Each structure stands twice: as structure tokens, then as C-alpha cells.
PDB file of N, CA and C in Angstrom:
ATOM      1  N   UNK A   1     -53.656  11.458 -13.265  1.00  0.00           N
ATOM      2  CA  UNK A   1     -52.764  11.921 -12.225  1.00  0.00           C
ATOM      3  C   UNK A   1     -51.921  10.762 -11.672  1.00  0.00           C
ATOM      4  N   UNK A   2     -52.535   9.623 -11.511  1.00  0.00           N
ATOM      5  CA  UNK A   2     -51.812   8.454 -11.002  1.00  0.00           C
ATOM      6  C   UNK A   2     -50.720   8.028 -11.971  1.00  0.00           C
ATOM      7  N   UNK A   3     -50.990   8.136 -13.256  1.00  0.00           N
ATOM      8  CA  UNK A   3     -49.990   7.772 -14.263  1.00  0.00           C
ATOM      9  C   UNK A   3     -48.761   8.674 -14.176  1.00  0.00           C
ATOM     10  N   UNK A   4     -48.995   9.955 -13.963  1.00  0.00           N
ATOM     11  CA  UNK A   4     -47.880  10.897 -13.884  1.00  0.00           C
ATOM     12  C   UNK A   4     -47.018  10.593 -12.656  1.00  0.00           C
ATOM     13  N   UNK A   5     -47.656  10.344 -11.541  1.00  0.00           N
ATOM     14  CA  UNK A   5     -46.908  10.009 -10.322  1.00  0.00           C
ATOM     15  C   UNK A   5     -46.118   8.720 -10.516  1.00  0.00           C
ATOM     16  N   UNK A   6     -46.715   7.740 -11.153  1.00  0.00           N
ATOM     17  CA  UNK A   6     -46.043   6.475 -11.421  1.00  0.00           C
ATOM     18  C   UNK A   6     -44.830   6.679 -12.336  1.00  0.00           C
ATOM     19  N   UNK A   7     -44.979   7.483 -13.384  1.00  0.00           N
ATOM     20  CA  UNK A   7     -43.859   7.755 -14.292  1.00  0.00           C
ATOM     21  C   UNK A   7     -42.741   8.517 -13.576  1.00  0.00           C
ATOM     22  N   UNK A   8     -43.108   9.473 -12.735  1.00  0.00           N
ATOM     23  CA  UNK A   8     -42.088  10.192 -11.969  1.00  0.00           C
ATOM     24  C   UNK A   8     -41.348   9.260 -11.015  1.00  0.00           C
ATOM     25  N   UNK A   9     -42.065   8.366 -10.389  1.00  0.00           N
ATOM     26  CA  UNK A   9     -41.446   7.397  -9.491  1.00  0.00           C
ATOM     27  C   UNK A   9     -40.440   6.532 -10.236  1.00  0.00           C
ATOM     28  N   UNK A  10     -40.818   6.039 -11.388  1.00  0.00           N
ATOM     29  CA  UNK A  10     -39.899   5.224 -12.200  1.00  0.00           C
ATOM     30  C   UNK A  10     -38.686   6.043 -12.618  1.00  0.00           C
ATOM     31  N   UNK A  11     -38.912   7.284 -13.039  1.00  0.00           N
ATOM     32  CA  UNK A  11     -37.814   8.148 -13.463  1.00  0.00           C
ATOM     33  C   UNK A  11     -36.809   8.341 -12.328  1.00  0.00           C
ATOM     34  N   UNK A  12     -37.284   8.663 -11.122  1.00  0.00           N
ATOM     35  CA  UNK A  12     -36.377   8.897 -10.001  1.00  0.00           C
ATOM     36  C   UNK A  12     -35.678   7.618  -9.552  1.00  0.00           C
ATOM     37  N   UNK A  13     -36.330   6.492  -9.645  1.00  0.00           N
ATOM     38  CA  UNK A  13     -35.681   5.230  -9.287  1.00  0.00           C
ATOM     39  C   UNK A  13     -34.551   4.896 -10.256  1.00  0.00           C
ATOM     40  N   UNK A  14     -34.772   5.132 -11.539  1.00  0.00           N
ATOM     41  CA  UNK A  14     -33.750   4.837 -12.545  1.00  0.00           C
ATOM     42  C   UNK A  14     -32.583   5.796 -12.417  1.00  0.00           C
ATOM     43  N   UNK A  15     -32.859   7.086 -12.252  1.00  0.00           N
ATOM     44  CA  UNK A  15     -31.755   8.044 -12.173  1.00  0.00           C
ATOM     45  C   UNK A  15     -30.978   7.931 -10.876  1.00  0.00           C
ATOM     46  N   UNK A  16     -31.611   7.530  -9.783  1.00  0.00           N
ATOM     47  CA  UNK A  16     -30.880   7.419  -8.522  1.00  0.00           C
ATOM     48  C   UNK A  16     -29.868   6.278  -8.546  1.00  0.00           C
ATOM     49  N   UNK A  17     -30.087   5.262  -9.341  1.00  0.00           N
ATOM     50  CA  UNK A  17     -29.113   4.169  -9.434  1.00  0.00           C
ATOM     51  C   UNK A  17     -27.894   4.573 -10.242  1.00  0.00           C
ATOM     52  N   UNK A  18     -27.993   5.620 -11.064  1.00  0.00           N
ATOM     53  CA  UNK A  18     -26.868   6.073 -11.871  1.00  0.00           C
ATOM     54  C   UNK A  18     -25.976   7.061 -11.125  1.00  0.00           C
ATOM     55  N   UNK A  19     -26.375   7.525  -9.973  1.00  0.00           N
ATOM     56  CA  UNK A  19     -25.656   8.575  -9.270  1.00  0.00           C
ATOM     57  C   UNK A  19     -24.510   8.047  -8.420  1.00  0.00           C
ATOM     58  N   UNK A  20     -24.442   6.786  -8.098  1.00  0.00           N
ATOM     59  CA  UNK A  20     -23.433   6.228  -7.198  1.00  0.00           C
ATOM     60  C   UNK A  20     -22.049   6.242  -7.848  1.00  0.00           C
ATOM     61  N   UNK A  21     -21.187   7.279  -7.582  1.00  0.00           N
ATOM     62  CA  UNK A  21     -19.901   7.372  -8.257  1.00  0.00           C
ATOM     63  C   UNK A  21     -18.833   6.446  -7.692  1.00  0.00           C
ATOM     64  N   UNK A  22     -19.011   5.997  -6.462  1.00  0.00           N
ATOM     65  CA  UNK A  22     -17.978   5.175  -5.838  1.00  0.00           C
ATOM     66  C   UNK A  22     -18.617   3.876  -5.364  1.00  0.00           C
ATOM     67  N   UNK A  23     -18.664   2.900  -6.265  1.00  0.00           N
ATOM     68  CA  UNK A  23     -19.349   1.647  -5.965  1.00  0.00           C
ATOM     69  C   UNK A  23     -18.480   0.687  -5.160  1.00  0.00           C
ATOM     70  N   UNK A  24     -17.193   0.949  -5.071  1.00  0.00           N
ATOM     71  CA  UNK A  24     -16.310   0.075  -4.300  1.00  0.00           C
ATOM     72  C   UNK A  24     -16.487   0.348  -2.820  1.00  0.00           C
ATOM     73  N   UNK A  25     -16.445  -0.687  -2.034  1.00  0.00           N
ATOM     74  CA  UNK A  25     -16.557  -0.544  -0.586  1.00  0.00           C
ATOM     75  C   UNK A  25     -15.169  -0.269  -0.011  1.00  0.00           C
ATOM     76  N   UNK A  26     -14.938   0.974   0.378  1.00  0.00           N
ATOM     77  CA  UNK A  26     -13.659   1.367   0.948  1.00  0.00           C
ATOM     78  C   UNK A  26     -13.887   1.974   2.320  1.00  0.00           C
ATOM     79  N   UNK A  27     -12.983   1.711   3.224  1.00  0.00           N
ATOM     80  CA  UNK A  27     -13.011   2.317   4.534  1.00  0.00           C
ATOM     81  C   UNK A  27     -12.077   3.524   4.477  1.00  0.00           C
ATOM     82  N   UNK A  28     -12.663   4.717   4.255  1.00  0.00           N
ATOM     83  CA  UNK A  28     -11.871   5.926   4.071  1.00  0.00           C
ATOM     84  C   UNK A  28     -11.404   6.474   5.408  1.00  0.00           C
ATOM     85  N   UNK A  29     -10.240   7.153   5.404  1.00  0.00           N
ATOM     86  CA  UNK A  29      -9.795   7.800   6.635  1.00  0.00           C
ATOM     87  C   UNK A  29     -10.761   8.923   7.010  1.00  0.00           C
ATOM     88  N   UNK A  30     -10.811   9.268   8.276  1.00  0.00           N
ATOM     89  CA  UNK A  30     -11.737  10.289   8.747  1.00  0.00           C
ATOM     90  C   UNK A  30     -11.066  11.661   8.764  1.00  0.00           C
ATOM     91  N   UNK A  31     -11.880  12.705   8.512  1.00  0.00           N
ATOM     92  CA  UNK A  31     -11.369  14.065   8.483  1.00  0.00           C
ATOM     93  C   UNK A  31     -12.482  15.027   8.857  1.00  0.00           C
ATOM     94  N   UNK A  32     -12.102  16.160   9.463  1.00  0.00           N
ATOM     95  CA  UNK A  32     -13.103  17.172   9.784  1.00  0.00           C
ATOM     96  C   UNK A  32     -13.287  18.160   8.643  1.00  0.00           C
ATOM     97  N   UNK A  33     -12.288  18.340   7.795  1.00  0.00           N
ATOM     98  CA  UNK A  33     -12.385  19.286   6.684  1.00  0.00           C
ATOM     99  C   UNK A  33     -12.865  18.595   5.420  1.00  0.00           C
ATOM    100  N   UNK A  34     -13.952  19.095   4.878  1.00  0.00           N
ATOM    101  CA  UNK A  34     -14.504  18.542   3.645  1.00  0.00           C
ATOM    102  C   UNK A  34     -14.442  19.605   2.552  1.00  0.00           C
ATOM    103  N   UNK A  35     -14.106  19.204   1.327  1.00  0.00           N
ATOM    104  CA  UNK A  35     -13.993  20.111   0.190  1.00  0.00           C
ATOM    105  C   UNK A  35     -15.282  20.056  -0.611  1.00  0.00           C
ATOM    106  N   UNK A  36     -15.721  21.208  -1.070  1.00  0.00           N
ATOM    107  CA  UNK A  36     -16.955  21.267  -1.849  1.00  0.00           C
ATOM    108  C   UNK A  36     -16.695  21.159  -3.353  1.00  0.00           C
ATOM    109  N   UNK A  37     -15.441  21.100  -3.776  1.00  0.00           N
ATOM    110  CA  UNK A  37     -15.114  21.033  -5.200  1.00  0.00           C
ATOM    111  C   UNK A  37     -15.604  19.726  -5.806  1.00  0.00           C
ATOM    112  N   UNK A  38     -15.961  19.774  -7.076  1.00  0.00           N
ATOM    113  CA  UNK A  38     -16.440  18.595  -7.784  1.00  0.00           C
ATOM    114  C   UNK A  38     -15.321  18.028  -8.651  1.00  0.00           C
ATOM    115  N   UNK A  39     -15.087  16.746  -8.502  1.00  0.00           N
ATOM    116  CA  UNK A  39     -14.078  16.062  -9.307  1.00  0.00           C
ATOM    117  C   UNK A  39     -14.745  15.429 -10.516  1.00  0.00           C
ATOM    118  N   UNK A  40     -14.065  15.474 -11.655  1.00  0.00           N
ATOM    119  CA  UNK A  40     -14.591  14.881 -12.875  1.00  0.00           C
ATOM    120  C   UNK A  40     -14.391  13.380 -12.893  1.00  0.00           C
ATOM    121  N   UNK A  41     -13.297  12.923 -12.314  1.00  0.00           N
ATOM    122  CA  UNK A  41     -12.963  11.487 -12.320  1.00  0.00           C
ATOM    123  C   UNK A  41     -12.523  11.079 -10.918  1.00  0.00           C
ATOM    124  N   UNK A  42     -12.434   9.777 -10.714  1.00  0.00           N
ATOM    125  CA  UNK A  42     -11.944   9.286  -9.434  1.00  0.00           C
ATOM    126  C   UNK A  42     -11.058   8.065  -9.655  1.00  0.00           C
ATOM    127  N   UNK A  43     -10.085   7.933  -8.776  1.00  0.00           N
ATOM    128  CA  UNK A  43      -9.208   6.764  -8.753  1.00  0.00           C
ATOM    129  C   UNK A  43      -9.343   6.143  -7.373  1.00  0.00           C
ATOM    130  N   UNK A  44      -9.733   4.885  -7.327  1.00  0.00           N
ATOM    131  CA  UNK A  44      -9.880   4.172  -6.055  1.00  0.00           C
ATOM    132  C   UNK A  44      -8.740   3.170  -5.917  1.00  0.00           C
ATOM    133  N   UNK A  45      -8.184   3.105  -4.714  1.00  0.00           N
ATOM    134  CA  UNK A  45      -7.104   2.149  -4.430  1.00  0.00           C
ATOM    135  C   UNK A  45      -7.612   1.208  -3.348  1.00  0.00           C
ATOM    136  N   UNK A  46      -7.676  -0.048  -3.684  1.00  0.00           N
ATOM    137  CA  UNK A  46      -8.138  -1.077  -2.748  1.00  0.00           C
ATOM    138  C   UNK A  46      -6.924  -1.888  -2.311  1.00  0.00           C
ATOM    139  N   UNK A  47      -6.796  -2.124  -1.006  1.00  0.00           N
ATOM    140  CA  UNK A  47      -5.663  -2.851  -0.450  1.00  0.00           C
ATOM    141  C   UNK A  47      -6.121  -4.232   0.006  1.00  0.00           C
ATOM    142  N   UNK A  48      -5.490  -5.255  -0.533  1.00  0.00           N
ATOM    143  CA  UNK A  48      -5.748  -6.627  -0.106  1.00  0.00           C
ATOM    144  C   UNK A  48      -4.625  -7.032   0.835  1.00  0.00           C
ATOM    145  N   UNK A  49      -4.849  -6.865   2.112  1.00  0.00           N
ATOM    146  CA  UNK A  49      -3.805  -7.070   3.123  1.00  0.00           C
ATOM    147  C   UNK A  49      -3.302  -8.507   3.127  1.00  0.00           C
ATOM    148  N   UNK A  50      -4.224  -9.472   3.004  1.00  0.00           N
ATOM    149  CA  UNK A  50      -3.819 -10.879   3.055  1.00  0.00           C
ATOM    150  C   UNK A  50      -2.882 -11.257   1.913  1.00  0.00           C
ATOM    151  N   UNK A  51      -3.039 -10.606   0.760  1.00  0.00           N
ATOM    152  CA  UNK A  51      -2.167 -10.891  -0.391  1.00  0.00           C
ATOM    153  C   UNK A  51      -1.038  -9.884  -0.538  1.00  0.00           C
ATOM    154  N   UNK A  52      -1.168  -8.741   0.147  1.00  0.00           N
ATOM    155  CA  UNK A  52      -0.159  -7.689   0.021  1.00  0.00           C
ATOM    156  C   UNK A  52      -0.185  -7.009  -1.339  1.00  0.00           C
ATOM    157  N   UNK A  53      -1.373  -6.947  -1.962  1.00  0.00           N
ATOM    158  CA  UNK A  53      -1.491  -6.339  -3.284  1.00  0.00           C
ATOM    159  C   UNK A  53      -2.495  -5.190  -3.251  1.00  0.00           C
ATOM    160  N   UNK A  54      -2.492  -4.424  -4.341  1.00  0.00           N
ATOM    161  CA  UNK A  54      -3.401  -3.295  -4.494  1.00  0.00           C
ATOM    162  C   UNK A  54      -4.118  -3.423  -5.832  1.00  0.00           C
ATOM    163  N   UNK A  55      -5.339  -2.907  -5.895  1.00  0.00           N
ATOM    164  CA  UNK A  55      -6.024  -2.807  -7.178  1.00  0.00           C
ATOM    165  C   UNK A  55      -6.463  -1.364  -7.360  1.00  0.00           C
ATOM    166  N   UNK A  56      -6.423  -0.917  -8.591  1.00  0.00           N
ATOM    167  CA  UNK A  56      -6.760   0.461  -8.934  1.00  0.00           C
ATOM    168  C   UNK A  56      -8.010   0.448  -9.805  1.00  0.00           C
ATOM    169  N   UNK A  57      -8.924   1.374  -9.513  1.00  0.00           N
ATOM    170  CA  UNK A  57     -10.193   1.431 -10.231  1.00  0.00           C
ATOM    171  C   UNK A  57     -10.466   2.875 -10.630  1.00  0.00           C
ATOM    172  N   UNK A  58     -10.873   3.063 -11.878  1.00  0.00           N
ATOM    173  CA  UNK A  58     -11.198   4.388 -12.381  1.00  0.00           C
ATOM    174  C   UNK A  58     -12.709   4.577 -12.312  1.00  0.00           C
ATOM    175  N   UNK A  59     -13.148   5.686 -11.728  1.00  0.00           N
ATOM    176  CA  UNK A  59     -14.568   6.045 -11.613  1.00  0.00           C
ATOM    177  C   UNK A  59     -15.414   4.947 -10.974  1.00  0.00           C
ATOM    178  N   UNK A  60     -14.873   4.269  -9.990  1.00  0.00           N
ATOM    179  CA  UNK A  60     -15.631   3.264  -9.252  1.00  0.00           C
ATOM    180  C   UNK A  60     -15.946   2.008 -10.024  1.00  0.00           C
ATOM    181  N   UNK A  61     -15.299   1.821 -11.167  1.00  0.00           N
ATOM    182  CA  UNK A  61     -15.524   0.624 -11.978  1.00  0.00           C
ATOM    183  C   UNK A  61     -15.046  -0.614 -11.224  1.00  0.00           C
ATOM    184  N   UNK A  62     -15.807  -1.668 -11.291  1.00  0.00           N
ATOM    185  CA  UNK A  62     -15.435  -2.904 -10.595  1.00  0.00           C
ATOM    186  C   UNK A  62     -14.212  -3.577 -11.231  1.00  0.00           C
ATOM    187  N   UNK A  63     -13.994  -3.337 -12.505  1.00  0.00           N
ATOM    188  CA  UNK A  63     -12.871  -3.941 -13.223  1.00  0.00           C
ATOM    189  C   UNK A  63     -11.591  -3.156 -12.919  1.00  0.00           C
ATOM    190  N   UNK A  64     -10.599  -3.779 -12.274  1.00  0.00           N
ATOM    191  CA  UNK A  64      -9.371  -3.051 -11.946  1.00  0.00           C
ATOM    192  C   UNK A  64      -8.534  -2.769 -13.196  1.00  0.00           C
ATOM    193  N   UNK A  65      -7.732  -1.709 -13.118  1.00  0.00           N
ATOM    194  CA  UNK A  65      -6.798  -1.371 -14.195  1.00  0.00           C
ATOM    195  C   UNK A  65      -5.389  -1.448 -13.631  1.00  0.00           C
ATOM    196  N   UNK A  66      -4.435  -1.720 -14.491  1.00  0.00           N
ATOM    197  CA  UNK A  66      -3.041  -1.749 -14.058  1.00  0.00           C
ATOM    198  C   UNK A  66      -2.571  -0.326 -13.766  1.00  0.00           C
ATOM    199  N   UNK A  67      -1.606  -0.203 -12.892  1.00  0.00           N
ATOM    200  CA  UNK A  67      -1.103   1.124 -12.540  1.00  0.00           C
ATOM    201  C   UNK A  67      -0.565   1.843 -13.775  1.00  0.00           C
ATOM    202  N   UNK A  68       0.059   1.124 -14.661  1.00  0.00           N
ATOM    203  CA  UNK A  68       0.638   1.744 -15.863  1.00  0.00           C
ATOM    204  C   UNK A  68      -0.424   2.329 -16.800  1.00  0.00           C
ATOM    205  N   UNK A  69      -1.680   1.940 -16.649  1.00  0.00           N
ATOM    206  CA  UNK A  69      -2.760   2.437 -17.511  1.00  0.00           C
ATOM    207  C   UNK A  69      -3.498   3.630 -16.911  1.00  0.00           C
ATOM    208  N   UNK A  70      -3.266   3.929 -15.645  1.00  0.00           N
ATOM    209  CA  UNK A  70      -4.036   4.970 -14.970  1.00  0.00           C
ATOM    210  C   UNK A  70      -3.841   6.336 -15.621  1.00  0.00           C
ATOM    211  N   UNK A  71      -2.595   6.710 -15.881  1.00  0.00           N
ATOM    212  CA  UNK A  71      -2.324   8.042 -16.439  1.00  0.00           C
ATOM    213  C   UNK A  71      -2.989   8.219 -17.795  1.00  0.00           C
ATOM    214  N   UNK A  72      -2.898   7.211 -18.637  1.00  0.00           N
ATOM    215  CA  UNK A  72      -3.526   7.284 -19.967  1.00  0.00           C
ATOM    216  C   UNK A  72      -5.045   7.422 -19.850  1.00  0.00           C
ATOM    217  N   UNK A  73      -5.649   6.639 -18.972  1.00  0.00           N
ATOM    218  CA  UNK A  73      -7.110   6.692 -18.796  1.00  0.00           C
ATOM    219  C   UNK A  73      -7.551   8.051 -18.244  1.00  0.00           C
ATOM    220  N   UNK A  74      -6.789   8.589 -17.293  1.00  0.00           N
ATOM    221  CA  UNK A  74      -7.131   9.907 -16.760  1.00  0.00           C
ATOM    222  C   UNK A  74      -6.982  10.987 -17.819  1.00  0.00           C
ATOM    223  N   UNK A  75      -5.961  10.879 -18.654  1.00  0.00           N
ATOM    224  CA  UNK A  75      -5.791  11.844 -19.747  1.00  0.00           C
ATOM    225  C   UNK A  75      -6.979  11.816 -20.695  1.00  0.00           C
ATOM    226  N   UNK A  76      -7.507  10.629 -20.992  1.00  0.00           N
ATOM    227  CA  UNK A  76      -8.674  10.527 -21.862  1.00  0.00           C
ATOM    228  C   UNK A  76      -9.894  11.204 -21.240  1.00  0.00           C
ATOM    229  N   UNK A  77     -10.073  10.998 -19.944  1.00  0.00           N
ATOM    230  CA  UNK A  77     -11.252  11.538 -19.265  1.00  0.00           C
ATOM    231  C   UNK A  77     -11.135  13.049 -19.058  1.00  0.00           C
ATOM    232  N   UNK A  78      -9.955  13.528 -18.656  1.00  0.00           N
ATOM    233  CA  UNK A  78      -9.789  14.926 -18.260  1.00  0.00           C
ATOM    234  C   UNK A  78      -9.241  15.825 -19.353  1.00  0.00           C
ATOM    235  N   UNK A  79      -9.025  15.294 -20.542  1.00  0.00           N
ATOM    236  CA  UNK A  79      -8.398  16.036 -21.623  1.00  0.00           C
ATOM    237  C   UNK A  79      -9.135  17.322 -21.970  1.00  0.00           C
ATOM    238  N   UNK A  80     -10.447  17.293 -22.074  1.00  0.00           N
ATOM    239  CA  UNK A  80     -11.226  18.444 -22.518  1.00  0.00           C
ATOM    240  C   UNK A  80     -11.762  19.297 -21.371  1.00  0.00           C
ATOM    241  N   UNK A  81     -11.375  19.003 -20.157  1.00  0.00           N
ATOM    242  CA  UNK A  81     -11.877  19.738 -18.997  1.00  0.00           C
ATOM    243  C   UNK A  81     -11.157  21.077 -18.846  1.00  0.00           C
ATOM    244  N   UNK A  82     -11.918  22.087 -18.472  1.00  0.00           N
ATOM    245  CA  UNK A  82     -11.340  23.412 -18.247  1.00  0.00           C
ATOM    246  C   UNK A  82     -10.506  23.442 -16.963  1.00  0.00           C
ATOM    247  N   UNK A  83     -11.018  22.801 -15.930  1.00  0.00           N
ATOM    248  CA  UNK A  83     -10.335  22.726 -14.641  1.00  0.00           C
ATOM    249  C   UNK A  83     -10.229  21.249 -14.249  1.00  0.00           C
ATOM    250  N   UNK A  84      -9.275  20.502 -14.842  1.00  0.00           N
ATOM    251  CA  UNK A  84      -9.228  19.053 -14.607  1.00  0.00           C
ATOM    252  C   UNK A  84      -8.928  18.699 -13.149  1.00  0.00           C
ATOM    253  N   UNK A  85      -9.868  17.985 -12.545  1.00  0.00           N
ATOM    254  CA  UNK A  85      -9.753  17.589 -11.146  1.00  0.00           C
ATOM    255  C   UNK A  85     -10.190  16.147 -10.998  1.00  0.00           C
ATOM    256  N   UNK A  86      -9.445  15.372 -10.226  1.00  0.00           N
ATOM    257  CA  UNK A  86      -9.896  14.023  -9.911  1.00  0.00           C
ATOM    258  C   UNK A  86      -9.695  13.762  -8.427  1.00  0.00           C
ATOM    259  N   UNK A  87     -10.453  12.817  -7.927  1.00  0.00           N
ATOM    260  CA  UNK A  87     -10.359  12.489  -6.508  1.00  0.00           C
ATOM    261  C   UNK A  87      -9.730  11.117  -6.325  1.00  0.00           C
ATOM    262  N   UNK A  88      -9.054  10.962  -5.200  1.00  0.00           N
ATOM    263  CA  UNK A  88      -8.423   9.693  -4.858  1.00  0.00           C
ATOM    264  C   UNK A  88      -9.188   9.106  -3.673  1.00  0.00           C
ATOM    265  N   UNK A  89      -9.717   7.920  -3.860  1.00  0.00           N
ATOM    266  CA  UNK A  89     -10.380   7.175  -2.800  1.00  0.00           C
ATOM    267  C   UNK A  89      -9.435   6.048  -2.392  1.00  0.00           C
ATOM    268  N   UNK A  90      -8.723   6.244  -1.301  1.00  0.00           N
ATOM    269  CA  UNK A  90      -7.754   5.245  -0.840  1.00  0.00           C
ATOM    270  C   UNK A  90      -8.284   4.585   0.413  1.00  0.00           C
ATOM    271  N   UNK A  91      -8.270   3.266   0.418  1.00  0.00           N
ATOM    272  CA  UNK A  91      -8.652   2.513   1.601  1.00  0.00           C
ATOM    273  C   UNK A  91      -7.777   2.954   2.773  1.00  0.00           C
ATOM    274  N   UNK A  92      -8.303   2.883   3.973  1.00  0.00           N
ATOM    275  CA  UNK A  92      -7.595   3.341   5.165  1.00  0.00           C
ATOM    276  C   UNK A  92      -6.255   2.629   5.368  1.00  0.00           C
ATOM    277  N   UNK A  93      -6.126   1.411   4.859  1.00  0.00           N
ATOM    278  CA  UNK A  93      -4.902   0.630   5.067  1.00  0.00           C
ATOM    279  C   UNK A  93      -3.880   0.804   3.941  1.00  0.00           C
ATOM    280  N   UNK A  94      -4.188   1.597   2.938  1.00  0.00           N
ATOM    281  CA  UNK A  94      -3.263   1.805   1.818  1.00  0.00           C
ATOM    282  C   UNK A  94      -2.087   2.658   2.289  1.00  0.00           C
ATOM    283  N   UNK A  95      -0.856   2.203   2.048  1.00  0.00           N
ATOM    284  CA  UNK A  95       0.313   3.009   2.428  1.00  0.00           C
ATOM    285  C   UNK A  95       0.339   4.327   1.657  1.00  0.00           C
ATOM    286  N   UNK A  96       0.849   5.350   2.297  1.00  0.00           N
ATOM    287  CA  UNK A  96       0.886   6.676   1.682  1.00  0.00           C
ATOM    288  C   UNK A  96       1.706   6.674   0.386  1.00  0.00           C
ATOM    289  N   UNK A  97       2.655   5.767   0.255  1.00  0.00           N
ATOM    290  CA  UNK A  97       3.472   5.718  -0.962  1.00  0.00           C
ATOM    291  C   UNK A  97       2.624   5.405  -2.195  1.00  0.00           C
ATOM    292  N   UNK A  98       1.572   4.591  -2.035  1.00  0.00           N
ATOM    293  CA  UNK A  98       0.690   4.287  -3.157  1.00  0.00           C
ATOM    294  C   UNK A  98      -0.140   5.507  -3.538  1.00  0.00           C
ATOM    295  N   UNK A  99      -0.561   6.271  -2.547  1.00  0.00           N
ATOM    296  CA  UNK A  99      -1.335   7.490  -2.811  1.00  0.00           C
ATOM    297  C   UNK A  99      -0.454   8.522  -3.500  1.00  0.00           C
ATOM    298  N   UNK A 100       0.797   8.629  -3.067  1.00  0.00           N
ATOM    299  CA  UNK A 100       1.726   9.597  -3.656  1.00  0.00           C
ATOM    300  C   UNK A 100       1.987   9.269  -5.123  1.00  0.00           C
ATOM    301  N   UNK A 101       2.016   7.998  -5.490  1.00  0.00           N
ATOM    302  CA  UNK A 101       2.192   7.617  -6.899  1.00  0.00           C
ATOM    303  C   UNK A 101       1.080   8.208  -7.758  1.00  0.00           C
ATOM    304  N   UNK A 102      -0.149   8.159  -7.255  1.00  0.00           N
ATOM    305  CA  UNK A 102      -1.279   8.719  -7.994  1.00  0.00           C
ATOM    306  C   UNK A 102      -1.177  10.245  -8.019  1.00  0.00           C
ATOM    307  N   UNK A 103      -0.738  10.833  -6.911  1.00  0.00           N
ATOM    308  CA  UNK A 103      -0.579  12.290  -6.854  1.00  0.00           C
ATOM    309  C   UNK A 103       0.498  12.771  -7.831  1.00  0.00           C
ATOM    310  N   UNK A 104       1.519  11.956  -8.045  1.00  0.00           N
ATOM    311  CA  UNK A 104       2.566  12.314  -9.014  1.00  0.00           C
ATOM    312  C   UNK A 104       2.018  12.357 -10.431  1.00  0.00           C
ATOM    313  N   UNK A 105       1.054  11.502 -10.739  1.00  0.00           N
ATOM    314  CA  UNK A 105       0.399  11.547 -12.054  1.00  0.00           C
ATOM    315  C   UNK A 105      -0.294  12.895 -12.223  1.00  0.00           C
ATOM    316  N   UNK A 106      -0.959  13.352 -11.166  1.00  0.00           N
ATOM    317  CA  UNK A 106      -1.637  14.650 -11.212  1.00  0.00           C
ATOM    318  C   UNK A 106      -0.639  15.790 -11.392  1.00  0.00           C
ATOM    319  N   UNK A 107       0.482  15.707 -10.699  1.00  0.00           N
ATOM    320  CA  UNK A 107       1.493  16.761 -10.807  1.00  0.00           C
ATOM    321  C   UNK A 107       2.072  16.838 -12.212  1.00  0.00           C
ATOM    322  N   UNK A 108       2.364  15.685 -12.800  1.00  0.00           N
ATOM    323  CA  UNK A 108       2.927  15.665 -14.158  1.00  0.00           C
ATOM    324  C   UNK A 108       1.976  16.272 -15.181  1.00  0.00           C
ATOM    325  N   UNK A 109       0.684  16.077 -14.980  1.00  0.00           N
ATOM    326  CA  UNK A 109      -0.309  16.524 -15.959  1.00  0.00           C
ATOM    327  C   UNK A 109      -1.040  17.801 -15.547  1.00  0.00           C
ATOM    328  N   UNK A 110      -0.613  18.426 -14.445  1.00  0.00           N
ATOM    329  CA  UNK A 110      -1.204  19.666 -13.943  1.00  0.00           C
ATOM    330  C   UNK A 110      -2.697  19.503 -13.636  1.00  0.00           C
ATOM    331  N   UNK A 111      -3.036  18.400 -12.981  1.00  0.00           N
ATOM    332  CA  UNK A 111      -4.401  18.155 -12.521  1.00  0.00           C
ATOM    333  C   UNK A 111      -4.498  18.542 -11.050  1.00  0.00           C
ATOM    334  N   UNK A 112      -5.696  18.922 -10.651  1.00  0.00           N
ATOM    335  CA  UNK A 112      -5.949  19.140  -9.226  1.00  0.00           C
ATOM    336  C   UNK A 112      -6.412  17.818  -8.632  1.00  0.00           C
ATOM    337  N   UNK A 113      -6.077  17.602  -7.356  1.00  0.00           N
ATOM    338  CA  UNK A 113      -6.390  16.337  -6.706  1.00  0.00           C
ATOM    339  C   UNK A 113      -7.165  16.601  -5.421  1.00  0.00           C
ATOM    340  N   UNK A 114      -8.182  15.752  -5.192  1.00  0.00           N
ATOM    341  CA  UNK A 114      -8.927  15.771  -3.942  1.00  0.00           C
ATOM    342  C   UNK A 114      -8.734  14.404  -3.298  1.00  0.00           C
ATOM    343  N   UNK A 115      -8.305  14.388  -2.049  1.00  0.00           N
ATOM    344  CA  UNK A 115      -8.172  13.138  -1.319  1.00  0.00           C
ATOM    345  C   UNK A 115      -9.461  12.920  -0.546  1.00  0.00           C
ATOM    346  N   UNK A 116     -10.206  11.903  -0.913  1.00  0.00           N
ATOM    347  CA  UNK A 116     -11.517  11.635  -0.307  1.00  0.00           C
ATOM    348  C   UNK A 116     -11.351  11.086   1.088  1.00  0.00           C
ATOM    349  N   UNK A 117     -12.174  11.605   2.007  1.00  0.00           N
ATOM    350  CA  UNK A 117     -12.209  11.108   3.377  1.00  0.00           C
ATOM    351  C   UNK A 117     -13.660  10.988   3.798  1.00  0.00           C
ATOM    352  N   UNK A 118     -13.894  10.305   4.881  1.00  0.00           N
ATOM    353  CA  UNK A 118     -15.249  10.251   5.426  1.00  0.00           C
ATOM    354  C   UNK A 118     -15.308  11.230   6.594  1.00  0.00           C
ATOM    355  N   UNK A 119     -16.461  11.867   6.814  1.00  0.00           N
ATOM    356  CA  UNK A 119     -16.560  12.856   7.896  1.00  0.00           C
ATOM    357  C   UNK A 119     -16.422  12.226   9.280  1.00  0.00           C
ATOM    358  N   UNK A 120     -15.841  12.972  10.202  1.00  0.00           N
ATOM    359  CA  UNK A 120     -15.679  12.486  11.584  1.00  0.00           C
ATOM    360  C   UNK A 120     -16.972  12.601  12.347  1.00  0.00           C
TER     361      UNK A 120
END
């Protein structure tokens, strides 16, 4: 019995580390309305105020991608999806123009978009 409990403990510890979809530390804007829809992919926008630059990350990956590569990467991920949906995780300080650029990618490819916020 102890062996089974130990194996279950190891199993849950290993699987819980794989569940974190957004590993980047972002300060999301607050909202009272939350959507229950599930997104297949995510695009995170990190704003470096001191440098005046932005970095883009697909699915919470620590390695940034260039803006010109985002559409191609999303097409690879969402190509076979029946209801292609992705979420945008934008830091609170990111200008809306950067978010709209990502939303335009969704419009061109007929993807649904969820703008991630933190609850109020």
C-alpha cells in the first residue's frame, strides 16, 4: 500500500510541473469578466520599459520569437484544430497597438482570440 501511495505521489508531482502554460511573469490587466473557453496556444508580450522593446513568446516559452515568425508558428500549432483559438497574455504596460498587431494575425487566419486578464 505504501508503494502505491508513493508512486501516485511521484506521478502527481511530475504531471503538475507540466501544467504551467504561462511560465513568463506578466502583470496582467484586471477584469471582472472571465471566459471559460480553452485556448490551444498562447502568445505572450513582454514589455521592457527601460529599453523600449517588446519580446514575443509562444506557449510561455522562455525563448522569444521575432514578430515576423509569430503567424507562421501559430499556423503550425492551430492548423489541425477544429475551432482554432489562442490567447494573448500582454503585460499591463504593453501599448494596445502591440496587442492589435497580434489580433490582426488572428483576423487574417480566422482564429478566435482570448485576451488574458487577472481577476479583480
